[in-house]
Amino acid sequence: MQDLLEQNARLVGQVPATMKAFNDSLERFNETIGRLDRAVTRIESASKNLIGPMERLAVALGELPGAGVLRKLAAERPRPTP
C-alpha cells in the first residue's frame, strides 16, 4: 500500500510539468500553423500576380500567325493514357 501511495504522489507531482510541456507544445503548434498560413497567403498572392500576365500572354500567342495551325495539330495529337 505504501508503494502505491508513493507512486501516486510522484504522479501527482509530475502533473504541473506535464501540463507545462503540453502547453508549450500547443504553443509551438500554433506558431507553426501561423507560419504555414502566412506562407500560403504569400503563395496565393504570387500566383494571383502571375495569372493576369499568363492570360495576356496566351491571348497574344493565340493571335500570332500560324496559331490556328498549332492548335489544330495539338488537338489531333494522341493523348497519352495515364
PDB file of N, CA and C in Angstrom:
ATOM      1  N   MET A   1       0.829  -1.189   0.000  1.00  0.00           N
ATOM      2  CA  MET A   1       0.000   0.000   0.000  1.00  0.00           C
ATOM      3  C   MET A   1       0.880   1.261   0.000  1.00  0.00           C
ATOM      4  N   GLN A   2       1.976   1.199   0.761  1.00  0.00           N
ATOM      5  CA  GLN A   2       2.898   2.338   0.825  1.00  0.00           C
ATOM      6  C   GLN A   2       3.478   2.648  -0.560  1.00  0.00           C
ATOM      7  N   ASP A   3       3.824   1.593  -1.317  1.00  0.00           N
ATOM      8  CA  ASP A   3       4.356   1.794  -2.679  1.00  0.00           C
ATOM      9  C   ASP A   3       3.343   2.484  -3.574  1.00  0.00           C
ATOM     10  N   LEU A   4       2.097   2.083  -3.472  1.00  0.00           N
ATOM     11  CA  LEU A   4       1.036   2.678  -4.278  1.00  0.00           C
ATOM     12  C   LEU A   4       0.867   4.155  -3.935  1.00  0.00           C
ATOM     13  N   LEU A   5       0.890   4.485  -2.677  1.00  0.00           N
ATOM     14  CA  LEU A   5       0.766   5.887  -2.260  1.00  0.00           C
ATOM     15  C   LEU A   5       1.948   6.716  -2.757  1.00  0.00           C
ATOM     16  N   GLU A   6       3.145   6.158  -2.694  1.00  0.00           N
ATOM     17  CA  GLU A   6       4.322   6.877  -3.174  1.00  0.00           C
ATOM     18  C   GLU A   6       4.266   7.083  -4.683  1.00  0.00           C
ATOM     19  N   GLN A   7       3.803   6.059  -5.387  1.00  0.00           N
ATOM     20  CA  GLN A   7       3.684   6.172  -6.844  1.00  0.00           C
ATOM     21  C   GLN A   7       2.655   7.245  -7.201  1.00  0.00           C
ATOM     22  N   ASN A   8       1.521   7.263  -6.514  1.00  0.00           N
ATOM     23  CA  ASN A   8       0.502   8.284  -6.778  1.00  0.00           C
ATOM     24  C   ASN A   8       1.041   9.675  -6.465  1.00  0.00           C
ATOM     25  N   ALA A   9       1.799   9.799  -5.386  1.00  0.00           N
ATOM     26  CA  ALA A   9       2.377  11.093  -5.031  1.00  0.00           C
ATOM     27  C   ALA A   9       3.346  11.564  -6.112  1.00  0.00           C
ATOM     28  N   ARG A  10       4.149  10.670  -6.665  1.00  0.00           N
ATOM     29  CA  ARG A  10       5.073  11.035  -7.751  1.00  0.00           C
ATOM     30  C   ARG A  10       4.295  11.480  -8.991  1.00  0.00           C
ATOM     31  N   LEU A  11       3.241  10.738  -9.312  1.00  0.00           N
ATOM     32  CA  LEU A  11       2.445  11.094 -10.491  1.00  0.00           C
ATOM     33  C   LEU A  11       1.789  12.460 -10.322  1.00  0.00           C
ATOM     34  N   VAL A  12       1.227  12.694  -9.136  1.00  0.00           N
ATOM     35  CA  VAL A  12       0.597  13.993  -8.881  1.00  0.00           C
ATOM     36  C   VAL A  12       1.654  15.094  -8.931  1.00  0.00           C
ATOM     37  N   GLY A  13       2.831  14.828  -8.473  1.00  0.00           N
ATOM     38  CA  GLY A  13       3.908  15.808  -8.519  1.00  0.00           C
ATOM     39  C   GLY A  13       4.357  16.125  -9.940  1.00  0.00           C
ATOM     40  N   GLN A  14       4.154  15.205 -10.865  1.00  0.00           N
ATOM     41  CA  GLN A  14       4.553  15.413 -12.264  1.00  0.00           C
ATOM     42  C   GLN A  14       3.506  16.162 -13.078  1.00  0.00           C
ATOM     43  N   VAL A  15       2.310  16.326 -12.549  1.00  0.00           N
ATOM     44  CA  VAL A  15       1.222  16.963 -13.311  1.00  0.00           C
ATOM     45  C   VAL A  15       1.596  18.381 -13.755  1.00  0.00           C
ATOM     46  N   PRO A  16       2.109  19.250 -12.891  1.00  0.00           N
ATOM     47  CA  PRO A  16       2.436  20.607 -13.370  1.00  0.00           C
ATOM     48  C   PRO A  16       3.452  20.608 -14.522  1.00  0.00           C
ATOM     49  N   ALA A  17       4.481  19.799 -14.427  1.00  0.00           N
ATOM     50  CA  ALA A  17       5.479  19.752 -15.504  1.00  0.00           C
ATOM     51  C   ALA A  17       4.863  19.193 -16.780  1.00  0.00           C
ATOM     52  N   THR A  18       4.011  18.202 -16.640  1.00  0.00           N
ATOM     53  CA  THR A  18       3.339  17.628 -17.809  1.00  0.00           C
ATOM     54  C   THR A  18       2.441  18.661 -18.478  1.00  0.00           C
ATOM     55  N   MET A  19       1.694  19.416 -17.677  1.00  0.00           N
ATOM     56  CA  MET A  19       0.811  20.451 -18.233  1.00  0.00           C
ATOM     57  C   MET A  19       1.624  21.551 -18.914  1.00  0.00           C
ATOM     58  N   LYS A  20       2.763  21.924 -18.329  1.00  0.00           N
ATOM     59  CA  LYS A  20       3.606  22.941 -18.960  1.00  0.00           C
ATOM     60  C   LYS A  20       4.146  22.438 -20.288  1.00  0.00           C
ATOM     61  N   ALA A  21       4.604  21.193 -20.330  1.00  0.00           N
ATOM     62  CA  ALA A  21       5.113  20.623 -21.580  1.00  0.00           C
ATOM     63  C   ALA A  21       4.010  20.586 -22.636  1.00  0.00           C
ATOM     64  N   PHE A  22       2.804  20.235 -22.224  1.00  0.00           N
ATOM     65  CA  PHE A  22       1.676  20.198 -23.164  1.00  0.00           C
ATOM     66  C   PHE A  22       1.374  21.597 -23.687  1.00  0.00           C
ATOM     67  N   ASN A  23       1.318  22.572 -22.788  1.00  0.00           N
ATOM     68  CA  ASN A  23       1.048  23.952 -23.206  1.00  0.00           C
ATOM     69  C   ASN A  23       2.134  24.483 -24.125  1.00  0.00           C
ATOM     70  N   ASP A  24       3.389  24.176 -23.827  1.00  0.00           N
ATOM     71  CA  ASP A  24       4.497  24.600 -24.689  1.00  0.00           C
ATOM     72  C   ASP A  24       4.370  23.973 -26.083  1.00  0.00           C
ATOM     73  N   SER A  25       4.028  22.707 -26.120  1.00  0.00           N
ATOM     74  CA  SER A  25       3.849  22.018 -27.404  1.00  0.00           C
ATOM     75  C   SER A  25       2.699  22.630 -28.184  1.00  0.00           C
ATOM     76  N   LEU A  26       1.621  22.931 -27.503  1.00  0.00           N
ATOM     77  CA  LEU A  26       0.464  23.542 -28.160  1.00  0.00           C
ATOM     78  C   LEU A  26       0.819  24.927 -28.704  1.00  0.00           C
ATOM     79  N   GLU A  27       1.605  25.678 -27.966  1.00  0.00           N
ATOM     80  CA  GLU A  27       2.030  26.997 -28.433  1.00  0.00           C
ATOM     81  C   GLU A  27       2.919  26.873 -29.673  1.00  0.00           C
ATOM     82  N   ARG A  28       3.850  25.927 -29.662  1.00  0.00           N
ATOM     83  CA  ARG A  28       4.704  25.713 -30.848  1.00  0.00           C
ATOM     84  C   ARG A  28       3.864  25.280 -32.046  1.00  0.00           C
ATOM     85  N   PHE A  29       2.867  24.437 -31.812  1.00  0.00           N
ATOM     86  CA  PHE A  29       1.975  24.010 -32.894  1.00  0.00           C
ATOM     87  C   PHE A  29       1.241  25.219 -33.485  1.00  0.00           C
ATOM     88  N   ASN A  30       0.727  26.082 -32.620  1.00  0.00           N
ATOM     89  CA  ASN A  30       0.017  27.270 -33.097  1.00  0.00           C
ATOM     90  C   ASN A  30       0.948  28.197 -33.875  1.00  0.00           C
ATOM     91  N   GLU A  31       2.192  28.327 -33.427  1.00  0.00           N
ATOM     92  CA  GLU A  31       3.163  29.141 -34.161  1.00  0.00           C
ATOM     93  C   GLU A  31       3.438  28.547 -35.538  1.00  0.00           C
ATOM     94  N   THR A  32       3.551  27.229 -35.604  1.00  0.00           N
ATOM     95  CA  THR A  32       3.782  26.556 -36.893  1.00  0.00           C
ATOM     96  C   THR A  32       2.612  26.779 -37.837  1.00  0.00           C
ATOM     97  N   ILE A  33       1.396  26.658 -37.321  1.00  0.00           N
ATOM     98  CA  ILE A  33       0.208  26.893 -38.150  1.00  0.00           C
ATOM     99  C   ILE A  33       0.193  28.337 -38.646  1.00  0.00           C
ATOM    100  N   GLY A  34       0.574  29.275 -37.794  1.00  0.00           N
ATOM    101  CA  GLY A  34       0.651  30.673 -38.209  1.00  0.00           C
ATOM    102  C   GLY A  34       1.653  30.887 -39.331  1.00  0.00           C
ATOM    103  N   ARG A  35       2.814  30.253 -39.215  1.00  0.00           N
ATOM    104  CA  ARG A  35       3.827  30.368 -40.282  1.00  0.00           C
ATOM    105  C   ARG A  35       3.312  29.747 -41.580  1.00  0.00           C
ATOM    106  N   LEU A  36       2.668  28.607 -41.485  1.00  0.00           N
ATOM    107  CA  LEU A  36       2.106  27.977 -42.689  1.00  0.00           C
ATOM    108  C   LEU A  36       1.042  28.861 -43.323  1.00  0.00           C
ATOM    109  N   ASP A  37       0.212  29.475 -42.510  1.00  0.00           N
ATOM    110  CA  ASP A  37      -0.835  30.355 -43.026  1.00  0.00           C
ATOM    111  C   ASP A  37      -0.221  31.546 -43.765  1.00  0.00           C
ATOM    112  N   ARG A  38       0.830  32.129 -43.192  1.00  0.00           N
ATOM    113  CA  ARG A  38       1.487  33.255 -43.863  1.00  0.00           C
ATOM    114  C   ARG A  38       2.135  32.807 -45.173  1.00  0.00           C
ATOM    115  N   ALA A  39       2.734  31.617 -45.185  1.00  0.00           N
ATOM    116  CA  ALA A  39       3.359  31.106 -46.411  1.00  0.00           C
ATOM    117  C   ALA A  39       2.313  30.878 -47.498  1.00  0.00           C
ATOM    118  N   VAL A  40       1.188  30.308 -47.127  1.00  0.00           N
ATOM    119  CA  VAL A  40       0.119  30.061 -48.101  1.00  0.00           C
ATOM    120  C   VAL A  40      -0.408  31.387 -48.643  1.00  0.00           C
ATOM    121  N   THR A  41      -0.549  32.378 -47.778  1.00  0.00           N
ATOM    122  CA  THR A  41      -1.017  33.694 -48.222  1.00  0.00           C
ATOM    123  C   THR A  41      -0.048  34.284 -49.244  1.00  0.00           C
ATOM    124  N   ARG A  42       1.258  34.172 -48.983  1.00  0.00           N
ATOM    125  CA  ARG A  42       2.250  34.692 -49.942  1.00  0.00           C
ATOM    126  C   ARG A  42       2.181  33.936 -51.264  1.00  0.00           C
ATOM    127  N   ILE A  43       2.025  32.628 -51.207  1.00  0.00           N
ATOM    128  CA  ILE A  43       1.943  31.825 -52.428  1.00  0.00           C
ATOM    129  C   ILE A  43       0.697  32.195 -53.226  1.00  0.00           C
ATOM    130  N   GLU A  44      -0.426  32.352 -52.530  1.00  0.00           N
ATOM    131  CA  GLU A  44      -1.656  32.744 -53.222  1.00  0.00           C
ATOM    132  C   GLU A  44      -1.502  34.106 -53.883  1.00  0.00           C
ATOM    133  N   SER A  45      -0.876  35.036 -53.183  1.00  0.00           N
ATOM    134  CA  SER A  45      -0.663  36.377 -53.730  1.00  0.00           C
ATOM    135  C   SER A  45       0.227  36.321 -54.963  1.00  0.00           C
ATOM    136  N   ALA A  46       1.306  35.552 -54.888  1.00  0.00           N
ATOM    137  CA  ALA A  46       2.217  35.434 -56.029  1.00  0.00           C
ATOM    138  C   ALA A  46       1.526  34.789 -57.220  1.00  0.00           C
ATOM    139  N   SER A  47       0.707  33.776 -56.969  1.00  0.00           N
ATOM    140  CA  SER A  47       0.030  33.112 -58.087  1.00  0.00           C
ATOM    141  C   SER A  47      -0.997  34.039 -58.724  1.00  0.00           C
ATOM    142  N   LYS A  48      -1.660  34.875 -57.916  1.00  0.00           N
ATOM    143  CA  LYS A  48      -2.612  35.838 -58.485  1.00  0.00           C
ATOM    144  C   LYS A  48      -1.880  36.847 -59.353  1.00  0.00           C
ATOM    145  N   ASN A  49      -0.673  37.224 -58.928  1.00  0.00           N
ATOM    146  CA  ASN A  49       0.112  38.174 -59.723  1.00  0.00           C
ATOM    147  C   ASN A  49       0.574  37.568 -61.041  1.00  0.00           C
ATOM    148  N   LEU A  50       0.668  36.253 -61.127  1.00  0.00           N
ATOM    149  CA  LEU A  50       1.118  35.595 -62.356  1.00  0.00           C
ATOM    150  C   LEU A  50      -0.028  35.285 -63.315  1.00  0.00           C
ATOM    151  N   ILE A  51      -1.224  35.121 -62.800  1.00  0.00           N
ATOM    152  CA  ILE A  51      -2.342  34.692 -63.646  1.00  0.00           C
ATOM    153  C   ILE A  51      -2.653  35.726 -64.722  1.00  0.00           C
ATOM    154  N   GLY A  52      -2.710  37.000 -64.349  1.00  0.00           N
ATOM    155  CA  GLY A  52      -3.024  38.049 -65.324  1.00  0.00           C
ATOM    156  C   GLY A  52      -2.043  38.074 -66.484  1.00  0.00           C
ATOM    157  N   PRO A  53      -0.739  38.180 -66.212  1.00  0.00           N
ATOM    158  CA  PRO A  53       0.217  38.180 -67.329  1.00  0.00           C
ATOM    159  C   PRO A  53       0.168  36.895 -68.157  1.00  0.00           C
ATOM    160  N   MET A  54      -0.055  35.747 -67.518  1.00  0.00           N
ATOM    161  CA  MET A  54      -0.136  34.494 -68.275  1.00  0.00           C
ATOM    162  C   MET A  54      -1.349  34.502 -69.210  1.00  0.00           C
ATOM    163  N   GLU A  55      -2.463  35.042 -68.738  1.00  0.00           N
ATOM    164  CA  GLU A  55      -3.647  35.120 -69.590  1.00  0.00           C
ATOM    165  C   GLU A  55      -3.396  36.048 -70.777  1.00  0.00           C
ATOM    166  N   ARG A  56      -2.755  37.191 -70.513  1.00  0.00           N
ATOM    167  CA  ARG A  56      -2.448  38.114 -71.610  1.00  0.00           C
ATOM    168  C   ARG A  56      -1.477  37.477 -72.600  1.00  0.00           C
ATOM    169  N   LEU A  57      -0.509  36.714 -72.094  1.00  0.00           N
ATOM    170  CA  LEU A  57       0.434  36.022 -72.970  1.00  0.00           C
ATOM    171  C   LEU A  57      -0.281  34.985 -73.823  1.00  0.00           C
ATOM    172  N   ALA A  58      -1.202  34.252 -73.247  1.00  0.00           N
ATOM    173  CA  ALA A  58      -1.945  33.244 -74.007  1.00  0.00           C
ATOM    174  C   ALA A  58      -2.768  33.896 -75.109  1.00  0.00           C
ATOM    175  N   VAL A  59      -3.384  35.034 -74.801  1.00  0.00           N
ATOM    176  CA  VAL A  59      -4.159  35.755 -75.818  1.00  0.00           C
ATOM    177  C   VAL A  59      -3.235  36.231 -76.930  1.00  0.00           C
ATOM    178  N   ALA A  60      -2.089  36.799 -76.550  1.00  0.00           N
ATOM    179  CA  ALA A  60      -1.146  37.308 -77.554  1.00  0.00           C
ATOM    180  C   ALA A  60      -0.619  36.172 -78.426  1.00  0.00           C
ATOM    181  N   LEU A  61      -0.292  35.038 -77.824  1.00  0.00           N
ATOM    182  CA  LEU A  61       0.195  33.907 -78.613  1.00  0.00           C
ATOM    183  C   LEU A  61      -0.891  33.363 -79.529  1.00  0.00           C
ATOM    184  N   GLY A  62      -2.118  33.402 -79.059  1.00  0.00           N
ATOM    185  CA  GLY A  62      -3.229  32.924 -79.884  1.00  0.00           C
ATOM    186  C   GLY A  62      -3.485  33.785 -81.106  1.00  0.00           C
ATOM    187  N   GLU A  63      -3.039  35.042 -81.047  1.00  0.00           N
ATOM    188  CA  GLU A  63      -3.252  35.955 -82.171  1.00  0.00           C
ATOM    189  C   GLU A  63      -2.103  35.940 -83.182  1.00  0.00           C
ATOM    190  N   LEU A  64      -1.040  35.209 -82.886  1.00  0.00           N
ATOM    191  CA  LEU A  64       0.099  35.154 -83.816  1.00  0.00           C
ATOM    192  C   LEU A  64      -0.278  34.365 -85.058  1.00  0.00           C
ATOM    193  N   PRO A  65       0.338  34.723 -86.195  1.00  0.00           N
ATOM    194  CA  PRO A  65       0.083  33.942 -87.404  1.00  0.00           C
ATOM    195  C   PRO A  65       0.509  32.486 -87.195  1.00  0.00           C
ATOM    196  N   GLY A  66      -0.295  31.582 -87.627  1.00  0.00           N
ATOM    197  CA  GLY A  66       0.019  30.171 -87.509  1.00  0.00           C
ATOM    198  C   GLY A  66      -0.492  29.549 -86.217  1.00  0.00           C
ATOM    199  N   ALA A  67      -1.081  30.343 -85.320  1.00  0.00           N
ATOM    200  CA  ALA A  67      -1.570  29.804 -84.050  1.00  0.00           C
ATOM    201  C   ALA A  67      -2.703  28.808 -84.279  1.00  0.00           C
ATOM    202  N   GLY A  68      -3.531  29.059 -85.281  1.00  0.00           N
ATOM    203  CA  GLY A  68      -4.627  28.129 -85.581  1.00  0.00           C
ATOM    204  C   GLY A  68      -4.103  26.771 -86.013  1.00  0.00           C
ATOM    205  N   VAL A  69      -3.023  26.768 -86.799  1.00  0.00           N
ATOM    206  CA  VAL A  69      -2.428  25.513 -87.246  1.00  0.00           C
ATOM    207  C   VAL A  69      -1.872  24.744 -86.045  1.00  0.00           C
ATOM    208  N   LEU A  70      -1.210  25.458 -85.138  1.00  0.00           N
ATOM    209  CA  LEU A  70      -0.661  24.800 -83.950  1.00  0.00           C
ATOM    210  C   LEU A  70      -1.765  24.221 -83.067  1.00  0.00           C
ATOM    211  N   ARG A  71      -2.869  24.973 -82.916  1.00  0.00           N
ATOM    212  CA  ARG A  71      -3.992  24.447 -82.120  1.00  0.00           C
ATOM    213  C   ARG A  71      -4.565  23.190 -82.762  1.00  0.00           C
ATOM    214  N   LYS A  72      -4.657  23.199 -84.092  1.00  0.00           N
ATOM    215  CA  LYS A  72      -5.188  22.030 -84.793  1.00  0.00           C
ATOM    216  C   LYS A  72      -4.266  20.829 -84.610  1.00  0.00           C
ATOM    217  N   LEU A  73      -2.948  21.042 -84.729  1.00  0.00           N
ATOM    218  CA  LEU A  73      -2.004  19.950 -84.543  1.00  0.00           C
ATOM    219  C   LEU A  73      -2.067  19.401 -83.113  1.00  0.00           C
ATOM    220  N   ALA A  74      -2.174  20.301 -82.145  1.00  0.00           N
ATOM    221  CA  ALA A  74      -2.235  19.868 -80.747  1.00  0.00           C
ATOM    222  C   ALA A  74      -3.512  19.078 -80.485  1.00  0.00           C
ATOM    223  N   ALA A  75      -4.608  19.469 -81.122  1.00  0.00           N
ATOM    224  CA  ALA A  75      -5.877  18.770 -80.915  1.00  0.00           C
ATOM    225  C   ALA A  75      -5.845  17.381 -81.539  1.00  0.00           C
ATOM    226  N   GLU A  76      -5.107  17.225 -82.650  1.00  0.00           N
ATOM    227  CA  GLU A  76      -5.059  15.934 -83.341  1.00  0.00           C
ATOM    228  C   GLU A  76      -4.054  14.972 -82.726  1.00  0.00           C
ATOM    229  N   ARG A  77      -3.132  15.480 -81.920  1.00  0.00           N
ATOM    230  CA  ARG A  77      -2.089  14.645 -81.327  1.00  0.00           C
ATOM    231  C   ARG A  77      -2.735  13.675 -80.326  1.00  0.00           C
ATOM    232  N   PRO A  78      -2.373  12.384 -80.407  1.00  0.00           N
ATOM    233  CA  PRO A  78      -2.946  11.430 -79.447  1.00  0.00           C
ATOM    234  C   PRO A  78      -2.468  11.729 -78.036  1.00  0.00           C
ATOM    235  N   ARG A  79      -3.378  11.654 -77.090  1.00  0.00           N
ATOM    236  CA  ARG A  79      -3.060  11.904 -75.694  1.00  0.00           C
ATOM    237  C   ARG A  79      -2.562  10.613 -75.029  1.00  0.00           C
ATOM    238  N   PRO A  80      -1.502  10.729 -74.219  1.00  0.00           N
ATOM    239  CA  PRO A  80      -1.026   9.512 -73.505  1.00  0.00           C
ATOM    240  C   PRO A  80      -2.063   9.095 -72.472  1.00  0.00           C
ATOM    241  N   THR A  81      -2.198   7.789 -72.309  1.00  0.00           N
ATOM    242  CA  THR A  81      -3.119   7.280 -71.298  1.00  0.00           C
ATOM    243  C   THR A  81      -2.412   7.256 -69.959  1.00  0.00           C
ATOM    244  N   PRO A  82      -3.128   7.694 -68.915  1.00  0.00           N
ATOM    245  CA  PRO A  82      -2.490   7.736 -67.587  1.00  0.00           C
ATOM    246  C   PRO A  82      -2.261   6.368 -66.997  1.00  0.00           C
TER     247      PRO A  82
END
